[in-house]
Amino acid sequence: MTVSERKKKILAAVVDEYIRTAEPVGSRFIAEKAGLGCSSATIRNELAELVNMGYLEQPHTSAGRVPTPAGYRMYVNGDKQQAQREAQAA
């Protein structure tokens, strides 16, 4: 399964907020703060797919999501690729 741009943005929002607060991140927060233009239900579906792909985990049923080591790796690799694209464009 490929990781869409929307999934990458959602993963980045989860990692950023988790780093900032050390608390599981919920779909409502992402819907309000990430500016993706989709509902919290759509974000929950994307989060579930990211969990199935191994990039996020859910500590318990009613909790938000937290990044796994694979999720952190995807986040870091995405930042590196963005920096390389920006350097090439300059």
PDB file of N, CA and C in Angstrom:
ATOM      1  N   MET A   1       0.844  -1.178   0.000  1.00  0.00           N
ATOM      2  CA  MET A   1       0.000   0.000   0.000  1.00  0.00           C
ATOM      3  C   MET A   1       0.891   1.244   0.000  1.00  0.00           C
ATOM      4  N   THR A   2       0.586   2.181  -0.879  1.00  0.00           N
ATOM      5  CA  THR A   2       1.378   3.404  -0.955  1.00  0.00           C
ATOM      6  C   THR A   2       0.878   4.421   0.057  1.00  0.00           C
ATOM      7  N   VAL A   3       1.743   5.353   0.369  1.00  0.00           N
ATOM      8  CA  VAL A   3       1.396   6.405   1.317  1.00  0.00           C
ATOM      9  C   VAL A   3       1.083   7.662   0.516  1.00  0.00           C
ATOM     10  N   SER A   4      -0.173   8.079   0.541  1.00  0.00           N
ATOM     11  CA  SER A   4      -0.603   9.264  -0.202  1.00  0.00           C
ATOM     12  C   SER A   4      -0.056  10.527   0.454  1.00  0.00           C
ATOM     13  N   GLU A   5      -0.142  11.618  -0.278  1.00  0.00           N
ATOM     14  CA  GLU A   5       0.293  12.902   0.275  1.00  0.00           C
ATOM     15  C   GLU A   5      -0.537  13.272   1.505  1.00  0.00           C
ATOM     16  N   ARG A   6      -1.835  12.973   1.462  1.00  0.00           N
ATOM     17  CA  ARG A   6      -2.676  13.277   2.622  1.00  0.00           C
ATOM     18  C   ARG A   6      -2.225  12.475   3.833  1.00  0.00           C
ATOM     19  N   LYS A   7      -1.920  11.189   3.649  1.00  0.00           N
ATOM     20  CA  LYS A   7      -1.431  10.376   4.769  1.00  0.00           C
ATOM     21  C   LYS A   7      -0.113  10.941   5.313  1.00  0.00           C
ATOM     22  N   LYS A   8       0.760  11.381   4.404  1.00  0.00           N
ATOM     23  CA  LYS A   8       2.036  11.957   4.852  1.00  0.00           C
ATOM     24  C   LYS A   8       1.798  13.216   5.680  1.00  0.00           C
ATOM     25  N   LYS A   9       0.846  14.060   5.264  1.00  0.00           N
ATOM     26  CA  LYS A   9       0.537  15.278   6.018  1.00  0.00           C
ATOM     27  C   LYS A   9      -0.073  14.945   7.373  1.00  0.00           C
ATOM     28  N   ILE A  10      -0.929  13.948   7.405  1.00  0.00           N
ATOM     29  CA  ILE A  10      -1.530  13.525   8.676  1.00  0.00           C
ATOM     30  C   ILE A  10      -0.460  12.954   9.595  1.00  0.00           C
ATOM     31  N   LEU A  11       0.412  12.122   9.067  1.00  0.00           N
ATOM     32  CA  LEU A  11       1.505  11.562   9.867  1.00  0.00           C
ATOM     33  C   LEU A  11       2.384  12.684  10.414  1.00  0.00           C
ATOM     34  N   ALA A  12       2.707  13.663   9.581  1.00  0.00           N
ATOM     35  CA  ALA A  12       3.530  14.786  10.035  1.00  0.00           C
ATOM     36  C   ALA A  12       2.831  15.561  11.148  1.00  0.00           C
ATOM     37  N   ALA A  13       1.516  15.767  11.019  1.00  0.00           N
ATOM     38  CA  ALA A  13       0.770  16.476  12.061  1.00  0.00           C
ATOM     39  C   ALA A  13       0.788  15.691  13.370  1.00  0.00           C
ATOM     40  N   VAL A  14       0.630  14.367  13.280  1.00  0.00           N
ATOM     41  CA  VAL A  14       0.667  13.534  14.485  1.00  0.00           C
ATOM     42  C   VAL A  14       2.048  13.600  15.135  1.00  0.00           C
ATOM     43  N   VAL A  15       3.095  13.444  14.337  1.00  0.00           N
ATOM     44  CA  VAL A  15       4.459  13.458  14.897  1.00  0.00           C
ATOM     45  C   VAL A  15       4.766  14.821  15.509  1.00  0.00           C
ATOM     46  N   ASP A  16       4.452  15.902  14.797  1.00  0.00           N
ATOM     47  CA  ASP A  16       4.721  17.245  15.329  1.00  0.00           C
ATOM     48  C   ASP A  16       4.028  17.469  16.669  1.00  0.00           C
ATOM     49  N   GLU A  17       2.739  17.124  16.738  1.00  0.00           N
ATOM     50  CA  GLU A  17       1.992  17.347  17.977  1.00  0.00           C
ATOM     51  C   GLU A  17       2.455  16.402  19.084  1.00  0.00           C
ATOM     52  N   TYR A  18       2.764  15.166  18.731  1.00  0.00           N
ATOM     53  CA  TYR A  18       3.236  14.221  19.753  1.00  0.00           C
ATOM     54  C   TYR A  18       4.582  14.672  20.325  1.00  0.00           C
ATOM     55  N   ILE A  19       5.453  15.182  19.469  1.00  0.00           N
ATOM     56  CA  ILE A  19       6.741  15.701  19.949  1.00  0.00           C
ATOM     57  C   ILE A  19       6.499  16.883  20.890  1.00  0.00           C
ATOM     58  N   ARG A  20       5.549  17.721  20.529  1.00  0.00           N
ATOM     59  CA  ARG A  20       5.263  18.917  21.322  1.00  0.00           C
ATOM     60  C   ARG A  20       4.628  18.594  22.676  1.00  0.00           C
ATOM     61  N   THR A  21       3.719  17.604  22.718  1.00  0.00           N
ATOM     62  CA  THR A  21       2.938  17.366  23.937  1.00  0.00           C
ATOM     63  C   THR A  21       3.205  16.038  24.641  1.00  0.00           C
ATOM     64  N   ALA A  22       3.778  15.064  23.938  1.00  0.00           N
ATOM     65  CA  ALA A  22       3.970  13.711  24.463  1.00  0.00           C
ATOM     66  C   ALA A  22       2.641  13.057  24.851  1.00  0.00           C
ATOM     67  N   GLU A  23       1.561  13.457  24.171  1.00  0.00           N
ATOM     68  CA  GLU A  23       0.225  12.894  24.389  1.00  0.00           C
ATOM     69  C   GLU A  23      -0.296  12.324  23.077  1.00  0.00           C
ATOM     70  N   PRO A  24      -1.097  11.240  23.108  1.00  0.00           N
ATOM     71  CA  PRO A  24      -1.703  10.729  21.873  1.00  0.00           C
ATOM     72  C   PRO A  24      -2.498  11.823  21.159  1.00  0.00           C
ATOM     73  N   VAL A  25      -2.476  11.798  19.839  1.00  0.00           N
ATOM     74  CA  VAL A  25      -3.090  12.850  19.024  1.00  0.00           C
ATOM     75  C   VAL A  25      -4.367  12.314  18.389  1.00  0.00           C
ATOM     76  N   GLY A  26      -5.462  13.052  18.560  1.00  0.00           N
ATOM     77  CA  GLY A  26      -6.756  12.631  18.039  1.00  0.00           C
ATOM     78  C   GLY A  26      -7.094  13.254  16.695  1.00  0.00           C
ATOM     79  N   SER A  27      -8.086  12.675  16.036  1.00  0.00           N
ATOM     80  CA  SER A  27      -8.496  13.130  14.708  1.00  0.00           C
ATOM     81  C   SER A  27      -9.086  14.539  14.744  1.00  0.00           C
ATOM     82  N   ARG A  28      -9.771  14.889  15.807  1.00  0.00           N
ATOM     83  CA  ARG A  28     -10.359  16.224  15.896  1.00  0.00           C
ATOM     84  C   ARG A  28      -9.273  17.294  15.883  1.00  0.00           C
ATOM     85  N   PHE A  29      -8.198  17.060  16.625  1.00  0.00           N
ATOM     86  CA  PHE A  29      -7.085  18.021  16.628  1.00  0.00           C
ATOM     87  C   PHE A  29      -6.520  18.179  15.224  1.00  0.00           C
ATOM     88  N   ILE A  30      -6.297  17.067  14.545  1.00  0.00           N
ATOM     89  CA  ILE A  30      -5.725  17.118  13.198  1.00  0.00           C
ATOM     90  C   ILE A  30      -6.665  17.848  12.248  1.00  0.00           C
ATOM     91  N   ALA A  31      -7.963  17.585  12.349  1.00  0.00           N
ATOM     92  CA  ALA A  31      -8.945  18.236  11.478  1.00  0.00           C
ATOM     93  C   ALA A  31      -8.938  19.750  11.693  1.00  0.00           C
ATOM     94  N   GLU A  32      -8.776  20.172  12.936  1.00  0.00           N
ATOM     95  CA  GLU A  32      -8.812  21.596  13.243  1.00  0.00           C
ATOM     96  C   GLU A  32      -7.494  22.300  12.932  1.00  0.00           C
ATOM     97  N   LYS A  33      -6.374  21.648  13.187  1.00  0.00           N
ATOM     98  CA  LYS A  33      -5.090  22.331  13.130  1.00  0.00           C
ATOM     99  C   LYS A  33      -4.272  22.073  11.866  1.00  0.00           C
ATOM    100  N   ALA A  34      -4.474  20.964  11.196  1.00  0.00           N
ATOM    101  CA  ALA A  34      -3.610  20.617  10.058  1.00  0.00           C
ATOM    102  C   ALA A  34      -4.052  21.276   8.759  1.00  0.00           C
ATOM    103  N   GLY A  35      -5.276  21.776   8.698  1.00  0.00           N
ATOM    104  CA  GLY A  35      -5.740  22.461   7.505  1.00  0.00           C
ATOM    105  C   GLY A  35      -5.796  21.585   6.267  1.00  0.00           C
ATOM    106  N   LEU A  36      -6.263  20.360   6.414  1.00  0.00           N
ATOM    107  CA  LEU A  36      -6.325  19.428   5.291  1.00  0.00           C
ATOM    108  C   LEU A  36      -7.616  19.544   4.502  1.00  0.00           C
ATOM    109  N   GLY A  37      -8.604  20.230   5.052  1.00  0.00           N
ATOM    110  CA  GLY A  37      -9.869  20.397   4.351  1.00  0.00           C
ATOM    111  C   GLY A  37     -10.712  19.142   4.287  1.00  0.00           C
ATOM    112  N   CYS A  38     -10.579  18.265   5.282  1.00  0.00           N
ATOM    113  CA  CYS A  38     -11.416  17.063   5.321  1.00  0.00           C
ATOM    114  C   CYS A  38     -11.935  16.872   6.746  1.00  0.00           C
ATOM    115  N   SER A  39     -12.949  16.052   6.869  1.00  0.00           N
ATOM    116  CA  SER A  39     -13.603  15.851   8.166  1.00  0.00           C
ATOM    117  C   SER A  39     -12.762  14.977   9.091  1.00  0.00           C
ATOM    118  N   SER A  40     -13.119  15.014  10.375  1.00  0.00           N
ATOM    119  CA  SER A  40     -12.417  14.164  11.333  1.00  0.00           C
ATOM    120  C   SER A  40     -12.681  12.687  11.046  1.00  0.00           C
ATOM    121  N   ALA A  41     -13.850  12.364  10.449  1.00  0.00           N
ATOM    122  CA  ALA A  41     -14.137  10.969  10.081  1.00  0.00           C
ATOM    123  C   ALA A  41     -13.179  10.490   8.990  1.00  0.00           C
ATOM    124  N   THR A  42     -12.926  11.331   8.002  1.00  0.00           N
ATOM    125  CA  THR A  42     -11.966  10.984   6.947  1.00  0.00           C
ATOM    126  C   THR A  42     -10.582  10.804   7.546  1.00  0.00           C
ATOM    127  N   ILE A  43     -10.220  11.690   8.452  1.00  0.00           N
ATOM    128  CA  ILE A  43      -8.906  11.593   9.097  1.00  0.00           C
ATOM    129  C   ILE A  43      -8.818  10.317   9.921  1.00  0.00           C
ATOM    130  N   ARG A  44      -9.901   9.925  10.617  1.00  0.00           N
ATOM    131  CA  ARG A  44      -9.889   8.659  11.380  1.00  0.00           C
ATOM    132  C   ARG A  44      -9.634   7.473  10.460  1.00  0.00           C
ATOM    133  N   ASN A  45     -10.251   7.478   9.268  1.00  0.00           N
ATOM    134  CA  ASN A  45     -10.012   6.394   8.312  1.00  0.00           C
ATOM    135  C   ASN A  45      -8.553   6.361   7.878  1.00  0.00           C
ATOM    136  N   GLU A  46      -7.977   7.529   7.612  1.00  0.00           N
ATOM    137  CA  GLU A  46      -6.569   7.602   7.217  1.00  0.00           C
ATOM    138  C   GLU A  46      -5.666   7.149   8.370  1.00  0.00           C
ATOM    139  N   LEU A  47      -6.011   7.569   9.595  1.00  0.00           N
ATOM    140  CA  LEU A  47      -5.234   7.150  10.768  1.00  0.00           C
ATOM    141  C   LEU A  47      -5.271   5.628  10.921  1.00  0.00           C
ATOM    142  N   ALA A  48      -6.445   5.037  10.708  1.00  0.00           N
ATOM    143  CA  ALA A  48      -6.565   3.571  10.808  1.00  0.00           C
ATOM    144  C   ALA A  48      -5.668   2.889   9.781  1.00  0.00           C
ATOM    145  N   GLU A  49      -5.604   3.441   8.576  1.00  0.00           N
ATOM    146  CA  GLU A  49      -4.726   2.860   7.558  1.00  0.00           C
ATOM    147  C   GLU A  49      -3.260   3.019   7.938  1.00  0.00           C
ATOM    148  N   LEU A  50      -2.905   4.170   8.518  1.00  0.00           N
ATOM    149  CA  LEU A  50      -1.525   4.365   8.971  1.00  0.00           C
ATOM    150  C   LEU A  50      -1.169   3.403  10.104  1.00  0.00           C
ATOM    151  N   VAL A  51      -2.148   3.081  10.958  1.00  0.00           N
ATOM    152  CA  VAL A  51      -1.926   2.075  12.006  1.00  0.00           C
ATOM    153  C   VAL A  51      -1.685   0.710  11.356  1.00  0.00           C
ATOM    154  N   ASN A  52      -2.529   0.348  10.395  1.00  0.00           N
ATOM    155  CA  ASN A  52      -2.370  -0.942   9.709  1.00  0.00           C
ATOM    156  C   ASN A  52      -1.043  -1.036   8.961  1.00  0.00           C
ATOM    157  N   MET A  53      -0.544   0.100   8.483  1.00  0.00           N
ATOM    158  CA  MET A  53       0.727   0.127   7.756  1.00  0.00           C
ATOM    159  C   MET A  53       1.931   0.114   8.703  1.00  0.00           C
ATOM    160  N   GLY A  54       1.683   0.318  10.007  1.00  0.00           N
ATOM    161  CA  GLY A  54       2.757   0.260  10.994  1.00  0.00           C
ATOM    162  C   GLY A  54       3.415   1.592  11.309  1.00  0.00           C
ATOM    163  N   TYR A  55       2.839   2.707  10.833  1.00  0.00           N
ATOM    164  CA  TYR A  55       3.434   4.022  11.083  1.00  0.00           C
ATOM    165  C   TYR A  55       2.921   4.679  12.361  1.00  0.00           C
ATOM    166  N   LEU A  56       1.749   4.263  12.813  1.00  0.00           N
ATOM    167  CA  LEU A  56       1.159   4.782  14.048  1.00  0.00           C
ATOM    168  C   LEU A  56       0.666   3.617  14.879  1.00  0.00           C
ATOM    169  N   GLU A  57       0.455   3.895  16.164  1.00  0.00           N
ATOM    170  CA  GLU A  57      -0.203   2.921  17.029  1.00  0.00           C
ATOM    171  C   GLU A  57      -1.185   3.661  17.907  1.00  0.00           C
ATOM    172  N   GLN A  58      -2.150   2.902  18.411  1.00  0.00           N
ATOM    173  CA  GLN A  58      -3.185   3.461  19.279  1.00  0.00           C
ATOM    174  C   GLN A  58      -3.052   2.784  20.637  1.00  0.00           C
ATOM    175  N   PRO A  59      -2.616   3.539  21.665  1.00  0.00           N
ATOM    176  CA  PRO A  59      -2.374   2.930  22.974  1.00  0.00           C
ATOM    177  C   PRO A  59      -3.567   2.167  23.539  1.00  0.00           C
ATOM    178  N   HIS A  60      -4.783   2.688  23.364  1.00  0.00           N
ATOM    179  CA  HIS A  60      -6.007   1.973  23.727  1.00  0.00           C
ATOM    180  C   HIS A  60      -7.151   2.531  22.899  1.00  0.00           C
ATOM    181  N   THR A  61      -8.274   1.887  22.939  1.00  0.00           N
ATOM    182  CA  THR A  61      -9.376   2.155  22.016  1.00  0.00           C
ATOM    183  C   THR A  61      -9.784   3.613  21.949  1.00  0.00           C
ATOM    184  N   SER A  62      -9.911   4.283  23.057  1.00  0.00           N
ATOM    185  CA  SER A  62     -10.403   5.662  23.041  1.00  0.00           C
ATOM    186  C   SER A  62      -9.293   6.704  22.932  1.00  0.00           C
ATOM    187  N   ALA A  63      -8.063   6.264  22.791  1.00  0.00           N
ATOM    188  CA  ALA A  63      -6.940   7.196  22.706  1.00  0.00           C
ATOM    189  C   ALA A  63      -6.712   7.661  21.282  1.00  0.00           C
ATOM    190  N   GLY A  64      -5.950   8.739  21.152  1.00  0.00           N
ATOM    191  CA  GLY A  64      -5.475   9.161  19.852  1.00  0.00           C
ATOM    192  C   GLY A  64      -4.349   8.242  19.402  1.00  0.00           C
ATOM    193  N   ARG A  65      -3.607   8.686  18.420  1.00  0.00           N
ATOM    194  CA  ARG A  65      -2.519   7.858  17.890  1.00  0.00           C
ATOM    195  C   ARG A  65      -1.167   8.438  18.267  1.00  0.00           C
ATOM    196  N   VAL A  66      -0.169   7.552  18.321  1.00  0.00           N
ATOM    197  CA  VAL A  66       1.218   7.948  18.560  1.00  0.00           C
ATOM    198  C   VAL A  66       2.090   7.321  17.474  1.00  0.00           C
ATOM    199  N   PRO A  67       3.177   7.994  17.114  1.00  0.00           N
ATOM    200  CA  PRO A  67       4.040   7.443  16.060  1.00  0.00           C
ATOM    201  C   PRO A  67       4.836   6.235  16.540  1.00  0.00           C
ATOM    202  N   THR A  68       5.086   5.320  15.635  1.00  0.00           N
ATOM    203  CA  THR A  68       5.975   4.182  15.882  1.00  0.00           C
ATOM    204  C   THR A  68       7.360   4.569  15.365  1.00  0.00           C
ATOM    205  N   PRO A  69       8.382   3.760  15.627  1.00  0.00           N
ATOM    206  CA  PRO A  69       9.697   4.047  15.034  1.00  0.00           C
ATOM    207  C   PRO A  69       9.628   4.176  13.503  1.00  0.00           C
ATOM    208  N   ALA A  70       8.809   3.344  12.857  1.00  0.00           N
ATOM    209  CA  ALA A  70       8.659   3.447  11.397  1.00  0.00           C
ATOM    210  C   ALA A  70       8.007   4.775  11.015  1.00  0.00           C
ATOM    211  N   GLY A  71       7.084   5.252  11.841  1.00  0.00           N
ATOM    212  CA  GLY A  71       6.450   6.546  11.588  1.00  0.00           C
ATOM    213  C   GLY A  71       7.432   7.695  11.708  1.00  0.00           C
ATOM    214  N   TYR A  72       8.283   7.638  12.746  1.00  0.00           N
ATOM    215  CA  TYR A  72       9.324   8.663  12.883  1.00  0.00           C
ATOM    216  C   TYR A  72      10.266   8.632  11.670  1.00  0.00           C
ATOM    217  N   ARG A  73      10.617   7.430  11.224  1.00  0.00           N
ATOM    218  CA  ARG A  73      11.534   7.290  10.080  1.00  0.00           C
ATOM    219  C   ARG A  73      10.908   7.905   8.830  1.00  0.00           C
ATOM    220  N   MET A  74       9.634   7.622   8.582  1.00  0.00           N
ATOM    221  CA  MET A  74       8.941   8.207   7.425  1.00  0.00           C
ATOM    222  C   MET A  74       8.940   9.728   7.528  1.00  0.00           C
ATOM    223  N   TYR A  75       8.692  10.243   8.714  1.00  0.00           N
ATOM    224  CA  TYR A  75       8.668  11.684   8.964  1.00  0.00           C
ATOM    225  C   TYR A  75      10.028  12.310   8.659  1.00  0.00           C
ATOM    226  N   VAL A  76      11.090  11.709   9.173  1.00  0.00           N
ATOM    227  CA  VAL A  76      12.439  12.235   8.961  1.00  0.00           C
ATOM    228  C   VAL A  76      12.832  12.142   7.493  1.00  0.00           C
ATOM    229  N   ASN A  77      12.556  11.018   6.858  1.00  0.00           N
ATOM    230  CA  ASN A  77      12.887  10.867   5.444  1.00  0.00           C
ATOM    231  C   ASN A  77      12.121  11.871   4.591  1.00  0.00           C
ATOM    232  N   GLY A  78      10.891  12.145   4.933  1.00  0.00           N
ATOM    233  CA  GLY A  78      10.106  13.141   4.209  1.00  0.00           C
ATOM    234  C   GLY A  78      10.711  14.524   4.330  1.00  0.00           C
ATOM    235  N   ASP A  79      11.196  14.877   5.530  1.00  0.00           N
ATOM    236  CA  ASP A  79      11.849  16.174   5.719  1.00  0.00           C
ATOM    237  C   ASP A  79      13.138  16.264   4.912  1.00  0.00           C
ATOM    238  N   LYS A  80      13.889  15.159   4.874  1.00  0.00           N
ATOM    239  CA  LYS A  80      15.139  15.165   4.096  1.00  0.00           C
ATOM    240  C   LYS A  80      14.859  15.353   2.614  1.00  0.00           C
ATOM    241  N   GLN A  81      13.856  14.653   2.100  1.00  0.00           N
ATOM    242  CA  GLN A  81      13.503  14.760   0.682  1.00  0.00           C
ATOM    243  C   GLN A  81      13.033  16.178   0.366  1.00  0.00           C
ATOM    244  N   GLN A  82      12.265  16.785   1.234  1.00  0.00           N
ATOM    245  CA  GLN A  82      11.796  18.156   1.013  1.00  0.00           C
ATOM    246  C   GLN A  82      12.984  19.110   0.994  1.00  0.00           C
ATOM    247  N   ALA A  83      13.928  18.953   1.902  1.00  0.00           N
ATOM    248  CA  ALA A  83      15.105  19.817   1.943  1.00  0.00           C
ATOM    249  C   ALA A  83      15.933  19.649   0.665  1.00  0.00           C
ATOM    250  N   GLN A  84      16.061  18.425   0.173  1.00  0.00           N
ATOM    251  CA  GLN A  84      16.808  18.196  -1.066  1.00  0.00           C
ATOM    252  C   GLN A  84      16.120  18.865  -2.250  1.00  0.00           C
ATOM    253  N   ARG A  85      14.794  18.774  -2.328  1.00  0.00           N
ATOM    254  CA  ARG A  85      14.058  19.427  -3.421  1.00  0.00           C
ATOM    255  C   ARG A  85      14.233  20.949  -3.362  1.00  0.00           C
ATOM    256  N   GLU A  86      14.188  21.505  -2.172  1.00  0.00           N
ATOM    257  CA  GLU A  86      14.354  22.947  -2.020  1.00  0.00           C
ATOM    258  C   GLU A  86      15.765  23.390  -2.403  1.00  0.00           C
ATOM    259  N   ALA A  87      16.757  22.570  -2.036  1.00  0.00           N
ATOM    260  CA  ALA A  87      18.151  22.893  -2.388  1.00  0.00           C
ATOM    261  C   ALA A  87      18.358  22.833  -3.895  1.00  0.00           C
ATOM    262  N   GLN A  88      17.747  21.880  -4.569  1.00  0.00           N
ATOM    263  CA  GLN A  88      17.878  21.765  -6.017  1.00  0.00           C
ATOM    264  C   GLN A  88      17.176  22.911  -6.736  1.00  0.00           C
ATOM    265  N   ALA A  89      16.085  23.412  -6.166  1.00  0.00           N
ATOM    266  CA  ALA A  89      15.340  24.491  -6.794  1.00  0.00           C
ATOM    267  C   ALA A  89      16.064  25.838  -6.649  1.00  0.00           C
ATOM    268  N   ALA A  90      16.915  25.942  -5.651  1.00  0.00           N
ATOM    269  CA  ALA A  90      17.621  27.224  -5.392  1.00  0.00           C
ATOM    270  C   ALA A  90      18.773  27.460  -6.334  1.00  0.00           C
TER     271      ALA A  90
END
